[in-house]
């Protein structure tokens, strides 16, 4: 059963789990390439496959809901949204700092978590424009905690710039799968566009103004010797 959606209760866990992946992406020697509008607004297919990321059965075993970035990412990651009346841009004053954007999808599958783990599966994410290209993958393995939760990392594939985390929760006869996909390179473009938006929104009153009049300060009456 495919159940696309998002849940706010997972944000804290996602942030904690993605710190290492984001840092690793930023530490690479290669110069990152920011996402364009198409990549930021596209839906990324992802599935459970039999096998491992190194030896993956190309046929999906269990389909999952497509990963989608928030609406604001398309405009903020490329800047074209600033000139497009159809794109609703956020208010720069209320936006906060420039984040690493994350695509999220939630699916409930009619397979127990133990069966997914023991069956030998990997979670594979495909390119939105060309699904034959794999962009991130993670082997499903490990021991669920006392709450029935298992977290796995999704490593970058084919120098895609994408990485992520998957949260698998055991419901007994089914499993809730929450997948997070991030692109650290997009943060740079978001930061630049945010700065441009703030500069465009600035008014003359925002500029620094002198404190008091020079004639009213004690320094105004002091003798000054020019330095040539």
N, C-alpha and C. Protein backbone atom coordinates (compact mmCIF):
# COMPACT_ATOMS: atom_id res chain seq x y z
N UNK A 1 0.85 -1.19 0.00
CA UNK A 1 0.00 0.00 0.00
C UNK A 1 0.89 1.23 0.00
N UNK A 2 0.63 2.14 -0.92
CA UNK A 2 1.42 3.36 -1.01
C UNK A 2 0.70 4.48 -0.30
N UNK A 3 1.39 5.06 0.66
CA UNK A 3 0.77 6.15 1.43
C UNK A 3 1.73 7.32 1.45
N UNK A 4 1.72 8.20 0.43
CA UNK A 4 2.62 9.35 0.43
C UNK A 4 2.21 10.33 1.52
N UNK A 5 3.20 10.98 2.10
CA UNK A 5 2.88 11.97 3.12
C UNK A 5 4.10 12.37 3.89
N UNK A 6 3.89 13.23 4.89
CA UNK A 6 4.99 13.72 5.72
C UNK A 6 4.50 13.80 7.14
N UNK A 7 5.40 13.70 8.09
CA UNK A 7 5.02 13.79 9.49
C UNK A 7 6.02 14.64 10.24
N UNK A 8 5.52 15.58 11.03
CA UNK A 8 6.39 16.52 11.74
C UNK A 8 7.13 15.85 12.88
N UNK A 9 6.63 14.75 13.40
CA UNK A 9 7.26 14.12 14.56
C UNK A 9 8.62 13.54 14.23
N UNK A 10 8.97 13.41 12.96
CA UNK A 10 10.23 12.80 12.58
C UNK A 10 11.33 13.81 12.31
N UNK A 11 11.02 15.08 12.39
CA UNK A 11 12.00 16.10 12.01
C UNK A 11 13.25 16.04 12.88
N UNK A 12 13.08 15.93 14.20
CA UNK A 12 14.23 15.91 15.09
C UNK A 12 15.12 14.71 14.81
N UNK A 13 14.52 13.56 14.60
CA UNK A 13 15.29 12.36 14.31
C UNK A 13 16.02 12.52 12.99
N UNK A 14 15.35 13.08 12.00
CA UNK A 14 15.97 13.25 10.68
C UNK A 14 17.18 14.16 10.77
N UNK A 15 17.05 15.24 11.52
CA UNK A 15 18.16 16.18 11.65
C UNK A 15 19.37 15.52 12.28
N UNK A 16 19.13 14.75 13.33
CA UNK A 16 20.23 14.09 14.02
C UNK A 16 20.90 13.05 13.14
N UNK A 17 20.10 12.30 12.38
CA UNK A 17 20.64 11.22 11.59
C UNK A 17 21.35 11.71 10.34
N UNK A 18 21.01 12.89 9.83
CA UNK A 18 21.59 13.37 8.57
C UNK A 18 22.83 14.22 8.77
N UNK A 19 23.19 14.57 10.00
CA UNK A 19 24.34 15.44 10.22
C UNK A 19 25.60 14.83 9.62
N UNK A 20 25.86 13.56 9.91
CA UNK A 20 27.06 12.91 9.40
C UNK A 20 27.07 12.84 7.90
N UNK A 21 25.92 12.54 7.29
CA UNK A 21 25.86 12.43 5.84
C UNK A 21 26.09 13.77 5.17
N UNK A 22 25.50 14.81 5.73
CA UNK A 22 25.67 16.14 5.16
C UNK A 22 27.12 16.58 5.26
N UNK A 23 27.74 16.35 6.42
CA UNK A 23 29.13 16.74 6.61
C UNK A 23 30.03 16.01 5.62
N UNK A 24 29.76 14.74 5.41
CA UNK A 24 30.56 13.96 4.48
C UNK A 24 30.43 14.51 3.07
N UNK A 25 29.23 14.92 2.69
CA UNK A 25 29.03 15.46 1.35
C UNK A 25 29.77 16.76 1.16
N UNK A 26 29.79 17.60 2.19
CA UNK A 26 30.45 18.90 2.08
C UNK A 26 31.96 18.76 2.08
N UNK A 27 32.48 17.64 2.62
CA UNK A 27 33.91 17.47 2.75
C UNK A 27 34.56 16.95 1.48
N UNK A 28 33.79 16.60 0.47
CA UNK A 28 34.36 16.06 -0.75
C UNK A 28 35.15 17.13 -1.48
N UNK A 29 36.19 16.67 -2.21
CA UNK A 29 37.03 17.61 -2.94
C UNK A 29 36.32 18.18 -4.16
N UNK A 30 35.42 17.41 -4.75
CA UNK A 30 34.74 17.86 -5.96
C UNK A 30 33.88 19.08 -5.66
N UNK A 31 33.81 19.99 -6.63
CA UNK A 31 32.98 21.17 -6.47
C UNK A 31 31.52 20.80 -6.67
N UNK A 32 30.66 21.03 -5.68
CA UNK A 32 29.27 20.61 -5.80
C UNK A 32 28.52 21.45 -6.83
N UNK A 33 27.52 20.82 -7.44
CA UNK A 33 26.67 21.50 -8.41
C UNK A 33 25.28 21.65 -7.82
N UNK A 34 24.77 22.86 -7.78
CA UNK A 34 23.45 23.10 -7.19
C UNK A 34 22.36 22.50 -8.06
N UNK A 35 21.24 22.17 -7.42
CA UNK A 35 20.10 21.64 -8.16
C UNK A 35 19.45 22.75 -8.96
N UNK A 36 18.94 22.41 -10.14
CA UNK A 36 18.14 23.33 -10.92
C UNK A 36 16.68 23.18 -10.55
N UNK A 37 15.84 23.97 -11.21
CA UNK A 37 14.41 23.91 -10.94
C UNK A 37 13.84 22.52 -11.16
N UNK A 38 14.25 21.87 -12.27
CA UNK A 38 13.70 20.57 -12.60
C UNK A 38 14.03 19.54 -11.53
N UNK A 39 15.29 19.53 -11.08
CA UNK A 39 15.69 18.54 -10.07
C UNK A 39 15.01 18.79 -8.74
N UNK A 40 14.81 20.07 -8.40
CA UNK A 40 14.22 20.40 -7.11
C UNK A 40 12.72 20.16 -7.06
N UNK A 41 12.07 20.22 -8.21
CA UNK A 41 10.62 20.06 -8.24
C UNK A 41 10.18 18.67 -8.69
N UNK A 42 11.14 17.82 -9.03
CA UNK A 42 10.82 16.49 -9.55
C UNK A 42 10.51 15.51 -8.42
N UNK A 43 9.94 14.37 -8.81
CA UNK A 43 9.65 13.28 -7.88
C UNK A 43 10.69 12.18 -8.10
N UNK A 44 11.32 11.73 -7.02
CA UNK A 44 12.39 10.75 -7.10
C UNK A 44 11.87 9.36 -6.74
N UNK A 45 11.88 8.42 -7.69
CA UNK A 45 11.41 7.06 -7.39
C UNK A 45 12.38 6.36 -6.44
N UNK A 46 11.83 5.55 -5.54
CA UNK A 46 12.67 4.74 -4.66
C UNK A 46 11.93 3.46 -4.32
N UNK A 47 12.69 2.39 -4.14
CA UNK A 47 12.09 1.08 -3.93
C UNK A 47 12.99 0.22 -3.06
N UNK A 48 12.40 -0.84 -2.50
CA UNK A 48 13.18 -1.93 -1.94
C UNK A 48 13.51 -2.89 -3.08
N UNK A 49 14.78 -3.31 -3.14
CA UNK A 49 15.21 -4.30 -4.11
C UNK A 49 15.81 -5.49 -3.37
N UNK A 50 15.77 -6.66 -3.97
CA UNK A 50 16.50 -7.80 -3.44
C UNK A 50 17.98 -7.61 -3.75
N UNK A 51 18.82 -8.07 -2.82
CA UNK A 51 20.26 -7.94 -3.01
C UNK A 51 20.85 -6.84 -2.16
N UNK A 52 22.05 -6.44 -2.50
CA UNK A 52 22.75 -5.35 -1.82
C UNK A 52 23.02 -4.24 -2.82
N UNK A 53 23.49 -3.11 -2.32
CA UNK A 53 23.78 -1.99 -3.21
C UNK A 53 24.88 -2.33 -4.20
N UNK A 54 25.77 -3.26 -3.81
CA UNK A 54 26.84 -3.68 -4.72
C UNK A 54 26.38 -4.74 -5.71
N UNK A 55 25.29 -5.42 -5.41
CA UNK A 55 24.77 -6.48 -6.28
C UNK A 55 23.25 -6.44 -6.22
N UNK A 56 22.68 -5.46 -6.90
CA UNK A 56 21.26 -5.16 -6.77
C UNK A 56 20.45 -5.80 -7.89
N UNK A 57 19.37 -6.46 -7.51
CA UNK A 57 18.41 -6.93 -8.51
C UNK A 57 17.72 -5.69 -9.09
N UNK A 58 17.79 -5.47 -10.39
CA UNK A 58 17.23 -4.22 -10.96
C UNK A 58 15.72 -4.11 -10.85
N UNK A 59 15.03 -5.22 -10.64
CA UNK A 59 13.57 -5.18 -10.54
C UNK A 59 13.15 -4.81 -9.11
N UNK A 60 12.35 -3.76 -8.92
CA UNK A 60 11.90 -3.40 -7.57
C UNK A 60 11.09 -4.52 -6.94
N UNK A 61 11.38 -4.79 -5.66
CA UNK A 61 10.62 -5.79 -4.92
C UNK A 61 9.42 -5.16 -4.23
N UNK A 62 9.61 -3.96 -3.69
CA UNK A 62 8.53 -3.24 -3.00
C UNK A 62 8.62 -1.77 -3.40
N UNK A 63 7.63 -1.22 -4.09
CA UNK A 63 7.66 0.20 -4.45
C UNK A 63 7.35 1.08 -3.25
N UNK A 64 7.98 2.24 -3.21
CA UNK A 64 7.75 3.21 -2.14
C UNK A 64 7.27 4.52 -2.77
N UNK A 65 6.69 5.39 -1.94
CA UNK A 65 6.21 6.68 -2.43
C UNK A 65 7.37 7.53 -2.93
N UNK A 66 7.14 8.27 -4.01
CA UNK A 66 8.18 9.12 -4.58
C UNK A 66 8.61 10.20 -3.59
N UNK A 67 9.90 10.49 -3.62
CA UNK A 67 10.45 11.55 -2.77
C UNK A 67 10.27 12.90 -3.45
N UNK A 68 9.80 13.89 -2.69
CA UNK A 68 9.53 15.22 -3.23
C UNK A 68 10.08 16.28 -2.28
N UNK A 69 10.77 17.28 -2.84
CA UNK A 69 11.26 18.40 -2.04
C UNK A 69 10.11 19.38 -1.77
N UNK A 70 10.20 20.17 -0.69
CA UNK A 70 9.19 21.20 -0.43
C UNK A 70 9.09 22.17 -1.60
N UNK A 71 7.93 22.81 -1.75
CA UNK A 71 7.68 23.68 -2.89
C UNK A 71 8.69 24.82 -3.03
N UNK A 72 9.16 25.35 -1.90
CA UNK A 72 10.03 26.52 -1.96
C UNK A 72 11.42 26.19 -2.49
N UNK A 73 11.81 24.93 -2.47
CA UNK A 73 13.18 24.56 -2.83
C UNK A 73 13.49 24.89 -4.29
N UNK A 74 12.53 24.69 -5.19
CA UNK A 74 12.78 24.93 -6.61
C UNK A 74 13.23 26.36 -6.88
N UNK A 75 12.53 27.32 -6.30
CA UNK A 75 12.90 28.71 -6.51
C UNK A 75 14.16 29.12 -5.78
N UNK A 76 14.31 28.64 -4.55
CA UNK A 76 15.43 29.07 -3.72
C UNK A 76 16.75 28.41 -4.11
N UNK A 77 16.71 27.24 -4.72
CA UNK A 77 17.95 26.55 -5.05
C UNK A 77 18.52 26.97 -6.40
N UNK A 78 17.72 27.66 -7.21
CA UNK A 78 18.23 28.11 -8.51
C UNK A 78 18.16 29.62 -8.67
N UNK A 79 17.20 30.23 -7.99
CA UNK A 79 17.04 31.68 -8.11
C UNK A 79 16.05 32.09 -9.17
N UNK A 80 15.69 31.17 -10.08
CA UNK A 80 14.76 31.55 -11.14
C UNK A 80 13.38 31.86 -10.60
N UNK A 81 13.08 31.29 -9.44
CA UNK A 81 11.77 31.54 -8.85
C UNK A 81 11.58 32.99 -8.46
N UNK A 82 12.66 33.72 -8.27
CA UNK A 82 12.57 35.13 -7.89
C UNK A 82 11.97 35.96 -9.02
N UNK A 83 12.07 35.44 -10.27
CA UNK A 83 11.53 36.16 -11.42
C UNK A 83 10.30 35.48 -11.99
N UNK A 84 9.76 34.50 -11.28
CA UNK A 84 8.62 33.73 -11.76
C UNK A 84 7.43 33.98 -10.85
N UNK A 85 6.39 34.59 -11.40
CA UNK A 85 5.22 34.94 -10.59
C UNK A 85 4.44 33.71 -10.14
N UNK A 86 4.69 32.56 -10.80
CA UNK A 86 3.96 31.34 -10.44
C UNK A 86 4.58 30.63 -9.24
N UNK A 87 5.79 31.03 -8.85
CA UNK A 87 6.47 30.41 -7.72
C UNK A 87 6.28 31.28 -6.48
N UNK A 88 5.75 30.69 -5.42
CA UNK A 88 5.55 31.42 -4.17
C UNK A 88 6.85 31.37 -3.38
N UNK A 89 7.52 32.50 -3.28
CA UNK A 89 8.79 32.57 -2.57
C UNK A 89 8.55 32.91 -1.11
N UNK A 90 9.35 32.35 -0.21
CA UNK A 90 9.17 32.65 1.21
C UNK A 90 9.61 34.06 1.55
N UNK A 91 9.15 34.55 2.69
CA UNK A 91 9.56 35.85 3.18
C UNK A 91 10.96 35.71 3.78
N UNK A 92 11.92 36.43 3.22
CA UNK A 92 13.31 36.29 3.65
C UNK A 92 13.47 36.59 5.13
N UNK A 93 12.69 37.55 5.65
CA UNK A 93 12.82 37.94 7.06
C UNK A 93 12.42 36.82 8.00
N UNK A 94 11.52 35.95 7.55
CA UNK A 94 11.03 34.87 8.41
C UNK A 94 11.62 33.51 8.03
N UNK A 95 12.54 33.49 7.09
CA UNK A 95 13.02 32.22 6.54
C UNK A 95 14.04 31.53 7.44
N UNK A 96 14.82 32.29 8.17
CA UNK A 96 15.90 31.70 8.96
C UNK A 96 17.14 31.52 8.12
N UNK A 97 18.06 30.67 8.59
CA UNK A 97 19.29 30.42 7.85
C UNK A 97 19.06 29.49 6.68
N UNK A 98 20.03 29.46 5.77
CA UNK A 98 19.92 28.61 4.57
C UNK A 98 20.14 27.15 4.95
N UNK A 99 19.13 26.30 4.75
CA UNK A 99 19.26 24.89 5.14
C UNK A 99 19.74 24.02 3.98
N UNK A 100 20.13 22.81 4.30
CA UNK A 100 20.29 21.77 3.28
C UNK A 100 18.88 21.22 3.02
N UNK A 101 18.35 21.34 1.79
CA UNK A 101 16.98 20.90 1.54
C UNK A 101 16.85 19.38 1.61
N UNK A 102 15.70 18.93 2.07
CA UNK A 102 15.46 17.49 2.23
C UNK A 102 14.13 17.11 1.58
N UNK A 103 14.17 16.08 0.75
CA UNK A 103 12.95 15.49 0.19
C UNK A 103 12.51 14.36 1.11
N UNK A 104 11.20 14.23 1.31
CA UNK A 104 10.67 13.24 2.25
C UNK A 104 9.52 12.47 1.61
N UNK A 105 9.42 11.20 1.95
CA UNK A 105 8.27 10.39 1.54
C UNK A 105 8.00 9.34 2.61
N UNK A 106 6.73 9.07 2.86
CA UNK A 106 6.32 8.07 3.83
C UNK A 106 5.45 7.03 3.15
N UNK A 107 5.75 5.76 3.40
CA UNK A 107 4.98 4.66 2.82
C UNK A 107 4.77 3.59 3.88
N UNK A 108 3.59 3.02 3.92
CA UNK A 108 3.35 1.84 4.75
C UNK A 108 3.27 0.63 3.83
N UNK A 109 4.16 -0.33 4.04
CA UNK A 109 4.20 -1.53 3.20
C UNK A 109 3.65 -2.71 3.99
N UNK A 110 2.98 -3.61 3.30
CA UNK A 110 2.33 -4.75 3.95
C UNK A 110 3.30 -5.90 4.15
N UNK A 111 4.47 -5.58 4.69
CA UNK A 111 5.50 -6.58 4.98
C UNK A 111 6.10 -6.22 6.33
N UNK A 112 6.27 -7.21 7.20
CA UNK A 112 6.86 -6.95 8.51
C UNK A 112 8.33 -6.59 8.39
N UNK A 113 8.83 -5.81 9.36
CA UNK A 113 10.22 -5.36 9.31
C UNK A 113 11.20 -6.52 9.34
N UNK A 114 10.91 -7.53 10.18
CA UNK A 114 11.81 -8.68 10.27
C UNK A 114 11.96 -9.37 8.92
N UNK A 115 10.87 -9.45 8.18
CA UNK A 115 10.90 -10.08 6.86
C UNK A 115 11.71 -9.25 5.87
N UNK A 116 11.59 -7.93 5.96
CA UNK A 116 12.37 -7.06 5.07
C UNK A 116 13.86 -7.23 5.34
N UNK A 117 14.22 -7.28 6.63
CA UNK A 117 15.64 -7.40 6.99
C UNK A 117 16.19 -8.77 6.59
N UNK A 118 15.51 -9.83 7.00
CA UNK A 118 16.02 -11.18 6.74
C UNK A 118 15.94 -11.56 5.27
N UNK A 119 15.06 -10.89 4.52
CA UNK A 119 14.91 -11.21 3.11
C UNK A 119 16.04 -10.72 2.23
N UNK A 120 16.93 -9.90 2.79
CA UNK A 120 18.06 -9.40 2.02
C UNK A 120 17.65 -8.33 1.02
N UNK A 121 17.36 -7.13 1.54
CA UNK A 121 16.90 -6.03 0.70
C UNK A 121 17.84 -4.82 0.79
N UNK A 122 17.76 -3.98 -0.21
CA UNK A 122 18.42 -2.68 -0.21
C UNK A 122 17.40 -1.65 -0.66
N UNK A 123 17.55 -0.42 -0.15
CA UNK A 123 16.66 0.67 -0.54
C UNK A 123 17.40 1.53 -1.55
N UNK A 124 16.86 1.63 -2.74
CA UNK A 124 17.53 2.31 -3.84
C UNK A 124 16.72 3.51 -4.31
N UNK A 125 17.40 4.65 -4.51
CA UNK A 125 16.76 5.86 -5.02
C UNK A 125 17.26 6.12 -6.43
N UNK A 126 16.33 6.44 -7.33
CA UNK A 126 16.67 6.65 -8.73
C UNK A 126 16.56 8.12 -9.12
N UNK A 127 17.27 8.47 -10.17
CA UNK A 127 17.23 9.83 -10.69
C UNK A 127 15.84 10.16 -11.22
N UNK A 128 15.38 11.37 -10.96
CA UNK A 128 14.03 11.74 -11.37
C UNK A 128 13.91 11.85 -12.89
N UNK A 129 14.93 12.39 -13.54
CA UNK A 129 14.87 12.57 -14.99
C UNK A 129 15.14 11.28 -15.75
N UNK A 130 16.01 10.44 -15.19
CA UNK A 130 16.37 9.17 -15.85
C UNK A 130 16.38 8.07 -14.79
N UNK A 131 15.27 7.37 -14.61
CA UNK A 131 15.17 6.35 -13.56
C UNK A 131 16.15 5.19 -13.71
N UNK A 132 16.82 5.09 -14.84
CA UNK A 132 17.81 4.02 -14.98
C UNK A 132 19.09 4.34 -14.22
N UNK A 133 19.23 5.58 -13.77
CA UNK A 133 20.41 6.00 -13.01
C UNK A 133 20.12 5.94 -11.52
N UNK A 134 20.98 5.26 -10.77
CA UNK A 134 20.84 5.18 -9.32
C UNK A 134 21.60 6.34 -8.68
N UNK A 135 20.97 7.04 -7.74
CA UNK A 135 21.63 8.20 -7.13
C UNK A 135 21.95 8.01 -5.65
N UNK A 136 21.29 7.06 -4.98
CA UNK A 136 21.59 6.80 -3.56
C UNK A 136 21.08 5.40 -3.22
N UNK A 137 21.78 4.74 -2.30
CA UNK A 137 21.38 3.37 -1.97
C UNK A 137 21.84 3.03 -0.55
N UNK A 138 21.07 2.17 0.11
CA UNK A 138 21.43 1.71 1.45
C UNK A 138 20.97 0.28 1.67
N UNK A 139 21.85 -0.56 2.20
CA UNK A 139 21.47 -1.93 2.54
C UNK A 139 20.60 -1.94 3.79
N UNK A 140 19.55 -2.74 3.79
CA UNK A 140 18.67 -2.85 4.95
C UNK A 140 19.23 -3.95 5.85
N UNK A 141 19.73 -3.55 7.00
CA UNK A 141 20.30 -4.50 7.94
C UNK A 141 20.46 -3.89 9.30
N UNK A 142 20.63 -4.73 10.31
CA UNK A 142 20.79 -4.24 11.67
C UNK A 142 19.74 -4.82 12.59
N UNK A 143 19.69 -4.29 13.80
CA UNK A 143 18.77 -4.77 14.82
C UNK A 143 17.83 -3.63 15.23
N UNK A 144 16.54 -3.77 15.04
CA UNK A 144 15.60 -2.73 15.47
C UNK A 144 15.70 -2.51 16.98
N UNK A 145 15.43 -1.27 17.43
CA UNK A 145 15.48 -0.98 18.86
C UNK A 145 14.20 -1.45 19.54
N UNK A 146 14.09 -1.15 20.84
CA UNK A 146 12.95 -1.64 21.61
C UNK A 146 11.63 -1.06 21.16
N UNK A 147 11.66 0.02 20.41
CA UNK A 147 10.44 0.63 19.87
C UNK A 147 10.09 0.10 18.48
N UNK A 148 10.93 -0.80 17.96
CA UNK A 148 10.69 -1.34 16.63
C UNK A 148 11.19 -0.46 15.52
N UNK A 149 12.17 0.41 15.82
CA UNK A 149 12.70 1.33 14.81
C UNK A 149 14.07 0.87 14.33
N UNK A 150 14.29 0.99 13.04
CA UNK A 150 15.58 0.71 12.43
C UNK A 150 15.93 1.86 11.50
N UNK A 151 17.13 2.39 11.63
CA UNK A 151 17.59 3.49 10.79
C UNK A 151 18.75 3.01 9.92
N UNK A 152 18.72 3.35 8.65
CA UNK A 152 19.82 3.00 7.75
C UNK A 152 20.22 4.24 6.95
N UNK A 153 21.48 4.31 6.58
CA UNK A 153 21.94 5.41 5.75
C UNK A 153 21.84 5.08 4.28
N UNK A 154 21.65 6.10 3.47
CA UNK A 154 21.62 5.97 2.02
C UNK A 154 22.83 6.70 1.47
N UNK A 155 23.78 5.94 0.96
CA UNK A 155 25.03 6.54 0.48
C UNK A 155 24.88 7.07 -0.94
N UNK A 156 25.65 8.09 -1.23
CA UNK A 156 25.66 8.67 -2.57
C UNK A 156 26.08 7.62 -3.60
N UNK A 157 25.45 7.64 -4.76
CA UNK A 157 25.79 6.72 -5.84
C UNK A 157 26.07 7.52 -7.11
N UNK A 158 27.06 7.09 -7.87
CA UNK A 158 27.38 7.71 -9.16
C UNK A 158 27.67 9.21 -9.05
N UNK A 159 28.30 9.63 -7.95
CA UNK A 159 28.63 11.05 -7.77
C UNK A 159 27.42 11.96 -7.96
N UNK A 160 26.28 11.51 -7.49
CA UNK A 160 25.03 12.24 -7.71
C UNK A 160 24.91 13.49 -6.85
N UNK A 161 25.59 13.51 -5.71
CA UNK A 161 25.43 14.61 -4.76
C UNK A 161 24.31 14.38 -3.77
N UNK A 162 23.55 13.31 -3.95
CA UNK A 162 22.43 13.00 -3.06
C UNK A 162 22.81 11.91 -2.06
N UNK A 163 22.34 12.07 -0.84
CA UNK A 163 22.48 11.03 0.19
C UNK A 163 21.28 11.15 1.11
N UNK A 164 21.14 10.23 2.04
CA UNK A 164 19.96 10.31 2.89
C UNK A 164 19.93 9.31 4.01
N UNK A 165 18.74 9.15 4.55
CA UNK A 165 18.48 8.27 5.69
C UNK A 165 17.10 7.66 5.50
N UNK A 166 16.94 6.42 5.91
CA UNK A 166 15.62 5.79 5.90
C UNK A 166 15.30 5.32 7.32
N UNK A 167 14.07 5.54 7.73
CA UNK A 167 13.56 5.13 9.04
C UNK A 167 12.49 4.07 8.80
N UNK A 168 12.74 2.88 9.31
CA UNK A 168 11.80 1.77 9.18
C UNK A 168 11.20 1.47 10.54
N UNK A 169 9.88 1.53 10.65
CA UNK A 169 9.19 1.27 11.92
C UNK A 169 8.29 0.05 11.79
N UNK A 170 8.49 -0.90 12.69
CA UNK A 170 7.73 -2.15 12.66
C UNK A 170 6.35 -1.96 13.29
N UNK A 171 5.31 -2.23 12.51
CA UNK A 171 3.93 -2.15 13.01
C UNK A 171 3.36 -3.53 13.34
N UNK A 172 4.18 -4.54 13.28
CA UNK A 172 3.69 -5.90 13.47
C UNK A 172 3.62 -6.60 12.13
N UNK A 173 2.48 -6.50 11.45
CA UNK A 173 2.34 -7.12 10.14
C UNK A 173 2.69 -6.21 8.99
N UNK A 174 3.03 -4.97 9.28
CA UNK A 174 3.42 -4.01 8.24
C UNK A 174 4.58 -3.16 8.74
N UNK A 175 5.14 -2.37 7.83
CA UNK A 175 6.28 -1.52 8.17
C UNK A 175 6.05 -0.12 7.60
N UNK A 176 6.24 0.89 8.43
CA UNK A 176 6.20 2.27 7.95
C UNK A 176 7.62 2.67 7.56
N UNK A 177 7.77 3.12 6.33
CA UNK A 177 9.08 3.49 5.80
C UNK A 177 9.09 4.98 5.51
N UNK A 178 9.97 5.71 6.18
CA UNK A 178 10.13 7.15 5.97
C UNK A 178 11.52 7.37 5.39
N UNK A 179 11.57 7.96 4.22
CA UNK A 179 12.85 8.15 3.53
C UNK A 179 13.14 9.65 3.42
N UNK A 180 14.38 10.02 3.73
CA UNK A 180 14.85 11.40 3.62
C UNK A 180 15.99 11.44 2.60
N UNK A 181 15.93 12.37 1.67
CA UNK A 181 16.97 12.52 0.65
C UNK A 181 17.44 13.96 0.65
N UNK A 182 18.75 14.17 0.76
CA UNK A 182 19.27 15.53 0.81
C UNK A 182 20.31 15.76 -0.28
N UNK A 183 20.48 17.04 -0.60
CA UNK A 183 21.50 17.46 -1.56
C UNK A 183 22.25 18.63 -0.95
N UNK A 184 23.39 18.37 -0.28
CA UNK A 184 24.13 19.44 0.40
C UNK A 184 24.55 20.57 -0.53
N UNK A 185 24.79 20.26 -1.81
CA UNK A 185 25.26 21.30 -2.73
C UNK A 185 24.23 22.41 -2.91
N UNK A 186 22.96 22.07 -2.75
CA UNK A 186 21.91 23.07 -2.96
C UNK A 186 21.93 24.15 -1.89
N UNK A 187 22.56 23.88 -0.75
CA UNK A 187 22.58 24.87 0.33
C UNK A 187 23.29 26.15 -0.10
N UNK A 188 24.34 26.02 -0.88
CA UNK A 188 25.09 27.20 -1.32
C UNK A 188 24.22 28.13 -2.15
N UNK A 189 23.46 27.57 -3.09
CA UNK A 189 22.59 28.39 -3.92
C UNK A 189 21.48 29.02 -3.10
N UNK A 190 20.94 28.27 -2.14
CA UNK A 190 19.89 28.82 -1.28
C UNK A 190 20.43 29.99 -0.47
N UNK A 191 21.65 29.84 0.05
CA UNK A 191 22.27 30.90 0.84
C UNK A 191 22.45 32.16 -0.01
N UNK A 192 22.91 31.99 -1.24
CA UNK A 192 23.12 33.14 -2.13
C UNK A 192 21.80 33.83 -2.48
N UNK A 193 20.79 33.03 -2.78
CA UNK A 193 19.49 33.61 -3.15
C UNK A 193 18.81 34.27 -1.95
N UNK A 194 19.02 33.70 -0.77
CA UNK A 194 18.46 34.30 0.44
C UNK A 194 19.09 35.66 0.69
N UNK A 195 20.41 35.75 0.51
CA UNK A 195 21.10 37.04 0.68
C UNK A 195 20.59 38.06 -0.33
N UNK A 196 20.35 37.62 -1.57
CA UNK A 196 19.84 38.54 -2.59
C UNK A 196 18.43 39.02 -2.25
N UNK A 197 17.61 38.12 -1.72
CA UNK A 197 16.25 38.50 -1.33
C UNK A 197 16.26 39.51 -0.19
N UNK A 198 17.16 39.29 0.78
CA UNK A 198 17.25 40.21 1.91
C UNK A 198 17.76 41.57 1.47
N UNK A 199 18.70 41.57 0.53
CA UNK A 199 19.22 42.84 0.02
C UNK A 199 18.14 43.60 -0.75
N UNK A 200 17.34 42.86 -1.52
CA UNK A 200 16.28 43.50 -2.29
C UNK A 200 15.18 44.06 -1.40
N UNK A 201 14.99 43.42 -0.24
CA UNK A 201 13.93 43.86 0.67
C UNK A 201 14.38 44.98 1.60
N UNK A 202 15.69 45.25 1.63
CA UNK A 202 16.22 46.27 2.54
C UNK A 202 15.74 47.66 2.12
N UNK A 203 15.54 48.54 3.10
CA UNK A 203 15.12 49.92 2.87
C UNK A 203 16.22 50.86 3.34
N UNK A 204 16.17 52.14 2.91
CA UNK A 204 17.18 53.09 3.38
C UNK A 204 17.24 53.18 4.89
N UNK A 205 16.13 52.92 5.57
CA UNK A 205 16.12 53.00 7.03
C UNK A 205 16.95 51.91 7.66
N UNK A 206 17.21 50.81 6.89
CA UNK A 206 18.00 49.71 7.43
C UNK A 206 19.48 50.04 7.47
N UNK A 207 19.89 51.06 6.72
CA UNK A 207 21.30 51.43 6.69
C UNK A 207 21.70 52.04 8.03
N UNK A 208 22.96 51.89 8.38
CA UNK A 208 23.45 52.43 9.65
C UNK A 208 23.42 53.95 9.60
N UNK A 209 23.00 54.58 10.68
CA UNK A 209 22.95 56.04 10.77
C UNK A 209 23.81 56.50 11.93
N UNK A 210 24.41 57.69 11.83
CA UNK A 210 25.27 58.18 12.92
C UNK A 210 24.47 58.34 14.21
N UNK A 211 25.12 58.10 15.32
CA UNK A 211 24.48 58.26 16.62
C UNK A 211 24.75 59.68 17.11
N UNK A 212 23.72 60.53 17.09
CA UNK A 212 23.89 61.90 17.54
C UNK A 212 24.54 62.78 16.48
N UNK A 213 24.53 64.09 16.71
CA UNK A 213 25.13 65.03 15.77
C UNK A 213 26.55 65.32 16.21
N UNK A 214 27.47 65.41 15.22
CA UNK A 214 28.87 65.59 15.57
C UNK A 214 29.08 66.83 16.42
N UNK A 215 28.31 67.90 16.17
CA UNK A 215 28.50 69.15 16.91
C UNK A 215 28.11 69.02 18.37
N UNK A 216 27.29 68.03 18.71
CA UNK A 216 26.82 67.90 20.08
C UNK A 216 27.69 66.98 20.91
N UNK A 217 28.72 66.41 20.33
CA UNK A 217 29.56 65.48 21.07
C UNK A 217 30.80 66.20 21.58
N UNK A 218 31.40 65.72 22.68
CA UNK A 218 32.61 66.37 23.22
C UNK A 218 33.74 66.39 22.22
N UNK A 219 33.80 65.34 21.37
CA UNK A 219 34.90 65.27 20.41
C UNK A 219 34.84 66.41 19.40
N UNK A 220 33.66 67.02 19.22
CA UNK A 220 33.52 68.08 18.22
C UNK A 220 34.32 69.32 18.60
N UNK A 221 34.51 69.54 19.91
CA UNK A 221 35.23 70.74 20.36
C UNK A 221 36.72 70.50 20.51
N UNK A 222 37.17 69.30 20.35
CA UNK A 222 38.59 69.01 20.55
C UNK A 222 39.38 69.39 19.31
N UNK A 223 40.64 69.80 19.54
CA UNK A 223 41.51 70.11 18.42
C UNK A 223 41.98 68.81 17.77
N UNK A 224 41.98 68.81 16.47
CA UNK A 224 42.42 67.63 15.73
C UNK A 224 43.54 68.02 14.81
N UNK A 225 44.58 67.25 14.80
CA UNK A 225 45.72 67.50 13.91
C UNK A 225 45.64 66.55 12.73
N UNK A 226 45.53 67.09 11.52
CA UNK A 226 45.46 66.22 10.34
C UNK A 226 46.72 65.39 10.21
N UNK A 227 46.57 64.17 9.76
CA UNK A 227 47.71 63.28 9.50
C UNK A 227 47.90 63.22 8.00
N UNK A 228 49.07 63.68 7.53
CA UNK A 228 49.32 63.71 6.08
C UNK A 228 50.22 62.57 5.68
